[in-house]
């Protein structure tokens, strides 16, 4: 067995550096590899995207412009604005945050001017996500005010 190893060691000395260099080149190619998120099934407008509906694939078209989803985690929980087809890239512009308030529901209006805080019930006149500016009708007075949707679903009224 020892005799066979003596002949193998010189070969390993010449082959090993070439093999390691090949691994480094392959590793660099993996770093340059772009990924895109594509649906496994049709996803219709208004549907909330779930991770099980998606897969990540390698981008093989070098001319593909940016603006598409690259990671499943980046789009999970978002809602589609248009139909997403299986195997087609998902453009980020085709997605939106889920609505925090719905048109016609009841929300709390909050006006906060430092020492003065006024709260009232209101009805949103449109659907909106967190951080969006919307119009809301005060249920008591009927006055329409503008406000920003907050994380808790309330609307903070802005001063004109």
C-alpha atoms as a PDB file:
ATOM      1  CA  UNK A   1       0.000   0.000   0.000  1.00  0.00           C
ATOM      2  CA  UNK A   2       2.879   2.385   0.772  1.00  0.00           C
ATOM      3  CA  UNK A   3       4.373   2.016  -2.694  1.00  0.00           C
ATOM      4  CA  UNK A   4       1.120   3.178  -4.306  1.00  0.00           C
ATOM      5  CA  UNK A   5       0.953   6.319  -2.169  1.00  0.00           C
ATOM      6  CA  UNK A   6       4.462   7.439  -3.222  1.00  0.00           C
ATOM      7  CA  UNK A   7       3.256   7.729  -6.802  1.00  0.00           C
ATOM      8  CA  UNK A   8       0.049   9.506  -5.839  1.00  0.00           C
ATOM      9  CA  UNK A   9       1.572  12.275  -3.706  1.00  0.00           C
ATOM     10  CA  UNK A  10       3.399  14.067  -6.574  1.00  0.00           C
ATOM     11  CA  UNK A  11       0.220  13.946  -8.629  1.00  0.00           C
ATOM     12  CA  UNK A  12      -1.786  15.413  -5.738  1.00  0.00           C
ATOM     13  CA  UNK A  13       0.766  18.214  -5.388  1.00  0.00           C
ATOM     14  CA  UNK A  14       0.137  19.314  -8.962  1.00  0.00           C
ATOM     15  CA  UNK A  15      -3.600  18.634  -9.090  1.00  0.00           C
ATOM     16  CA  UNK A  16      -4.595  20.101  -5.701  1.00  0.00           C
ATOM     17  CA  UNK A  17      -3.735  23.756  -6.524  1.00  0.00           C
ATOM     18  CA  UNK A  18      -5.639  23.516  -9.817  1.00  0.00           C
ATOM     19  CA  UNK A  19      -8.616  21.961  -8.011  1.00  0.00           C
ATOM     20  CA  UNK A  20      -8.595  24.653  -5.316  1.00  0.00           C
ATOM     21  CA  UNK A  21      -8.363  27.401  -7.948  1.00  0.00           C
ATOM     22  CA  UNK A  22     -11.399  25.883  -9.660  1.00  0.00           C
ATOM     23  CA  UNK A  23     -13.305  26.009  -6.369  1.00  0.00           C
ATOM     24  CA  UNK A  24     -12.423  29.678  -5.945  1.00  0.00           C
ATOM     25  CA  UNK A  25     -13.614  30.497  -9.478  1.00  0.00           C
ATOM     26  CA  UNK A  26     -16.844  28.566  -8.876  1.00  0.00           C
ATOM     27  CA  UNK A  27     -17.298  30.387  -5.565  1.00  0.00           C
ATOM     28  CA  UNK A  28     -16.851  33.770  -7.305  1.00  0.00           C
ATOM     29  CA  UNK A  29     -19.374  32.743  -9.959  1.00  0.00           C
ATOM     30  CA  UNK A  30     -21.853  31.821  -7.218  1.00  0.00           C
ATOM     31  CA  UNK A  31     -21.388  35.290  -5.690  1.00  0.00           C
ATOM     32  CA  UNK A  32     -22.235  36.920  -9.058  1.00  0.00           C
ATOM     33  CA  UNK A  33     -25.265  34.677  -9.568  1.00  0.00           C
ATOM     34  CA  UNK A  34     -28.498  36.675  -9.366  1.00  0.00           C
ATOM     35  CA  UNK A  35     -31.695  35.155  -8.066  1.00  0.00           C
ATOM     36  CA  UNK A  36     -35.318  36.042  -8.800  1.00  0.00           C
ATOM     37  CA  UNK A  37     -38.568  35.092  -7.103  1.00  0.00           C
ATOM     38  CA  UNK A  38     -41.208  33.430  -9.275  1.00  0.00           C
ATOM     39  CA  UNK A  39     -44.647  32.037  -8.400  1.00  0.00           C
ATOM     40  CA  UNK A  40     -45.270  28.281  -8.526  1.00  0.00           C
ATOM     41  CA  UNK A  41     -48.967  28.935  -9.253  1.00  0.00           C
ATOM     42  CA  UNK A  42     -51.210  31.770 -10.429  1.00  0.00           C
ATOM     43  CA  UNK A  43     -51.590  34.474  -7.777  1.00  0.00           C
ATOM     44  CA  UNK A  44     -54.531  36.817  -8.356  1.00  0.00           C
ATOM     45  CA  UNK A  45     -54.781  40.567  -7.584  1.00  0.00           C
ATOM     46  CA  UNK A  46     -55.582  41.292  -3.954  1.00  0.00           C
ATOM     47  CA  UNK A  47     -54.140  37.994  -2.677  1.00  0.00           C
ATOM     48  CA  UNK A  48     -51.604  38.055   0.126  1.00  0.00           C
ATOM     49  CA  UNK A  49     -48.444  36.245  -0.951  1.00  0.00           C
ATOM     50  CA  UNK A  50     -47.320  33.204   1.045  1.00  0.00           C
ATOM     51  CA  UNK A  51     -43.830  31.694   0.929  1.00  0.00           C
ATOM     52  CA  UNK A  52     -45.222  28.283  -0.139  1.00  0.00           C
ATOM     53  CA  UNK A  53     -46.478  29.866  -3.396  1.00  0.00           C
ATOM     54  CA  UNK A  54     -42.987  30.994  -4.438  1.00  0.00           C
ATOM     55  CA  UNK A  55     -39.556  29.740  -5.394  1.00  0.00           C
ATOM     56  CA  UNK A  56     -36.189  31.369  -6.045  1.00  0.00           C
ATOM     57  CA  UNK A  57     -34.590  30.726  -9.432  1.00  0.00           C
ATOM     58  CA  UNK A  58     -31.299  31.755 -11.012  1.00  0.00           C
ATOM     59  CA  UNK A  59     -31.491  34.693 -13.407  1.00  0.00           C
ATOM     60  CA  UNK A  60     -30.068  33.507 -16.723  1.00  0.00           C
ATOM     61  CA  UNK A  61     -30.821  36.635 -18.768  1.00  0.00           C
ATOM     62  CA  UNK A  62     -27.959  39.116 -18.221  1.00  0.00           C
ATOM     63  CA  UNK A  63     -30.048  41.920 -19.762  1.00  0.00           C
ATOM     64  CA  UNK A  64     -32.885  41.616 -17.251  1.00  0.00           C
ATOM     65  CA  UNK A  65     -33.402  45.055 -15.697  1.00  0.00           C
ATOM     66  CA  UNK A  66     -33.552  45.526 -11.944  1.00  0.00           C
ATOM     67  CA  UNK A  67     -36.869  46.019 -10.176  1.00  0.00           C
ATOM     68  CA  UNK A  68     -37.778  42.376  -9.602  1.00  0.00           C
ATOM     69  CA  UNK A  69     -38.024  40.516  -6.289  1.00  0.00           C
ATOM     70  CA  UNK A  70     -34.797  38.695  -5.421  1.00  0.00           C
ATOM     71  CA  UNK A  71     -35.689  36.982  -2.120  1.00  0.00           C
ATOM     72  CA  UNK A  72     -38.851  35.206  -0.989  1.00  0.00           C
ATOM     73  CA  UNK A  73     -38.620  36.852   2.427  1.00  0.00           C
ATOM     74  CA  UNK A  74     -38.859  40.291   0.772  1.00  0.00           C
ATOM     75  CA  UNK A  75     -42.299  39.589  -0.756  1.00  0.00           C
ATOM     76  CA  UNK A  76     -43.944  37.270   1.760  1.00  0.00           C
ATOM     77  CA  UNK A  77     -46.951  39.005   3.319  1.00  0.00           C
ATOM     78  CA  UNK A  78     -47.288  41.597   0.552  1.00  0.00           C
ATOM     79  CA  UNK A  79     -50.410  41.827  -1.620  1.00  0.00           C
ATOM     80  CA  UNK A  80     -50.453  41.651  -5.419  1.00  0.00           C
ATOM     81  CA  UNK A  81     -51.753  44.514  -7.546  1.00  0.00           C
ATOM     82  CA  UNK A  82     -52.015  42.331 -10.658  1.00  0.00           C
ATOM     83  CA  UNK A  83     -52.050  38.663 -11.658  1.00  0.00           C
ATOM     84  CA  UNK A  84     -48.721  36.882 -11.163  1.00  0.00           C
ATOM     85  CA  UNK A  85     -48.058  33.965 -13.504  1.00  0.00           C
ATOM     86  CA  UNK A  86     -46.054  30.816 -12.686  1.00  0.00           C
ATOM     87  CA  UNK A  87     -42.405  30.958 -13.719  1.00  0.00           C
ATOM     88  CA  UNK A  88     -42.462  34.724 -14.406  1.00  0.00           C
ATOM     89  CA  UNK A  89     -40.444  37.168 -12.324  1.00  0.00           C
ATOM     90  CA  UNK A  90     -42.324  39.277  -9.797  1.00  0.00           C
ATOM     91  CA  UNK A  91     -41.855  43.004 -10.270  1.00  0.00           C
ATOM     92  CA  UNK A  92     -41.707  44.895  -6.987  1.00  0.00           C
ATOM     93  CA  UNK A  93     -44.019  47.514  -8.515  1.00  0.00           C
ATOM     94  CA  UNK A  94     -46.729  44.831  -8.777  1.00  0.00           C
ATOM     95  CA  UNK A  95     -46.857  44.487  -4.972  1.00  0.00           C
ATOM     96  CA  UNK A  96     -48.153  46.594  -2.112  1.00  0.00           C
ATOM     97  CA  UNK A  97     -48.363  46.486   1.659  1.00  0.00           C
ATOM     98  CA  UNK A  98     -51.600  45.000   3.055  1.00  0.00           C
ATOM     99  CA  UNK A  99     -54.279  47.514   4.002  1.00  0.00           C
ATOM    100  CA  UNK A 100     -54.342  48.534   7.663  1.00  0.00           C
ATOM    101  CA  UNK A 101     -57.748  50.231   7.328  1.00  0.00           C
ATOM    102  CA  UNK A 102     -60.637  49.433   5.014  1.00  0.00           C
ATOM    103  CA  UNK A 103     -63.070  51.828   3.410  1.00  0.00           C
ATOM    104  CA  UNK A 104     -66.332  52.037   5.342  1.00  0.00           C
ATOM    105  CA  UNK A 105     -64.968  50.534   8.583  1.00  0.00           C
ATOM    106  CA  UNK A 106     -64.720  52.452  11.850  1.00  0.00           C
ATOM    107  CA  UNK A 107     -61.363  53.881  12.920  1.00  0.00           C
ATOM    108  CA  UNK A 108     -60.202  56.128  15.703  1.00  0.00           C
ATOM    109  CA  UNK A 109     -59.273  59.667  14.660  1.00  0.00           C
ATOM    110  CA  UNK A 110     -56.561  61.250  16.780  1.00  0.00           C
ATOM    111  CA  UNK A 111     -55.607  64.914  16.765  1.00  0.00           C
ATOM    112  CA  UNK A 112     -52.525  65.568  18.927  1.00  0.00           C
ATOM    113  CA  UNK A 113     -51.259  69.135  19.343  1.00  0.00           C
ATOM    114  CA  UNK A 114     -48.976  68.702  22.325  1.00  0.00           C
ATOM    115  CA  UNK A 115     -51.152  69.423  25.380  1.00  0.00           C
ATOM    116  CA  UNK A 116     -54.430  68.989  23.453  1.00  0.00           C
ATOM    117  CA  UNK A 117     -55.476  65.491  22.321  1.00  0.00           C
ATOM    118  CA  UNK A 118     -58.851  64.933  20.639  1.00  0.00           C
ATOM    119  CA  UNK A 119     -60.174  61.484  19.784  1.00  0.00           C
ATOM    120  CA  UNK A 120     -63.210  60.695  17.671  1.00  0.00           C
ATOM    121  CA  UNK A 121     -64.701  57.894  15.587  1.00  0.00           C
ATOM    122  CA  UNK A 122     -64.306  58.120  11.831  1.00  0.00           C
ATOM    123  CA  UNK A 123     -65.021  56.254   8.619  1.00  0.00           C
ATOM    124  CA  UNK A 124     -62.205  55.931   6.053  1.00  0.00           C
ATOM    125  CA  UNK A 125     -63.247  56.928   2.542  1.00  0.00           C
ATOM    126  CA  UNK A 126     -60.601  54.629   1.019  1.00  0.00           C
ATOM    127  CA  UNK A 127     -58.479  51.572   1.789  1.00  0.00           C
ATOM    128  CA  UNK A 128     -54.977  52.385   3.007  1.00  0.00           C
ATOM    129  CA  UNK A 129     -51.767  50.837   4.284  1.00  0.00           C
ATOM    130  CA  UNK A 130     -49.709  52.028   7.235  1.00  0.00           C
ATOM    131  CA  UNK A 131     -48.148  55.435   6.597  1.00  0.00           C
ATOM    132  CA  UNK A 132     -50.525  56.467   3.820  1.00  0.00           C
ATOM    133  CA  UNK A 133     -52.413  59.759   3.872  1.00  0.00           C
ATOM    134  CA  UNK A 134     -56.178  59.242   3.541  1.00  0.00           C
ATOM    135  CA  UNK A 135     -59.469  61.095   3.932  1.00  0.00           C
ATOM    136  CA  UNK A 136     -61.755  60.123   6.795  1.00  0.00           C
ATOM    137  CA  UNK A 137     -65.260  61.320   7.657  1.00  0.00           C
ATOM    138  CA  UNK A 138     -65.814  62.212  11.324  1.00  0.00           C
ATOM    139  CA  UNK A 139     -68.864  60.163  12.406  1.00  0.00           C
ATOM    140  CA  UNK A 140     -70.148  62.837  14.809  1.00  0.00           C
ATOM    141  CA  UNK A 141     -69.725  66.008  12.728  1.00  0.00           C
ATOM    142  CA  UNK A 142     -69.629  64.641   9.175  1.00  0.00           C
ATOM    143  CA  UNK A 143     -66.525  66.733   8.488  1.00  0.00           C
ATOM    144  CA  UNK A 144     -63.955  65.113   6.188  1.00  0.00           C
ATOM    145  CA  UNK A 145     -60.376  65.327   7.456  1.00  0.00           C
ATOM    146  CA  UNK A 146     -57.049  64.023   6.180  1.00  0.00           C
ATOM    147  CA  UNK A 147     -54.776  61.853   8.269  1.00  0.00           C
ATOM    148  CA  UNK A 148     -51.984  59.327   8.307  1.00  0.00           C
ATOM    149  CA  UNK A 149     -52.711  55.653   9.008  1.00  0.00           C
ATOM    150  CA  UNK A 150     -50.769  54.425  12.025  1.00  0.00           C
ATOM    151  CA  UNK A 151     -49.581  50.914  12.971  1.00  0.00           C
ATOM    152  CA  UNK A 152     -52.427  50.449  15.467  1.00  0.00           C
ATOM    153  CA  UNK A 153     -55.043  51.234  12.777  1.00  0.00           C
ATOM    154  CA  UNK A 154     -55.820  54.707  14.065  1.00  0.00           C
ATOM    155  CA  UNK A 155     -55.624  57.780  11.833  1.00  0.00           C
ATOM    156  CA  UNK A 156     -53.621  60.781  13.053  1.00  0.00           C
ATOM    157  CA  UNK A 157     -55.257  63.917  11.713  1.00  0.00           C
ATOM    158  CA  UNK A 158     -52.992  66.434  10.019  1.00  0.00           C
ATOM    159  CA  UNK A 159     -53.377  70.176  10.541  1.00  0.00           C
ATOM    160  CA  UNK A 160     -54.264  72.215   7.441  1.00  0.00           C
END
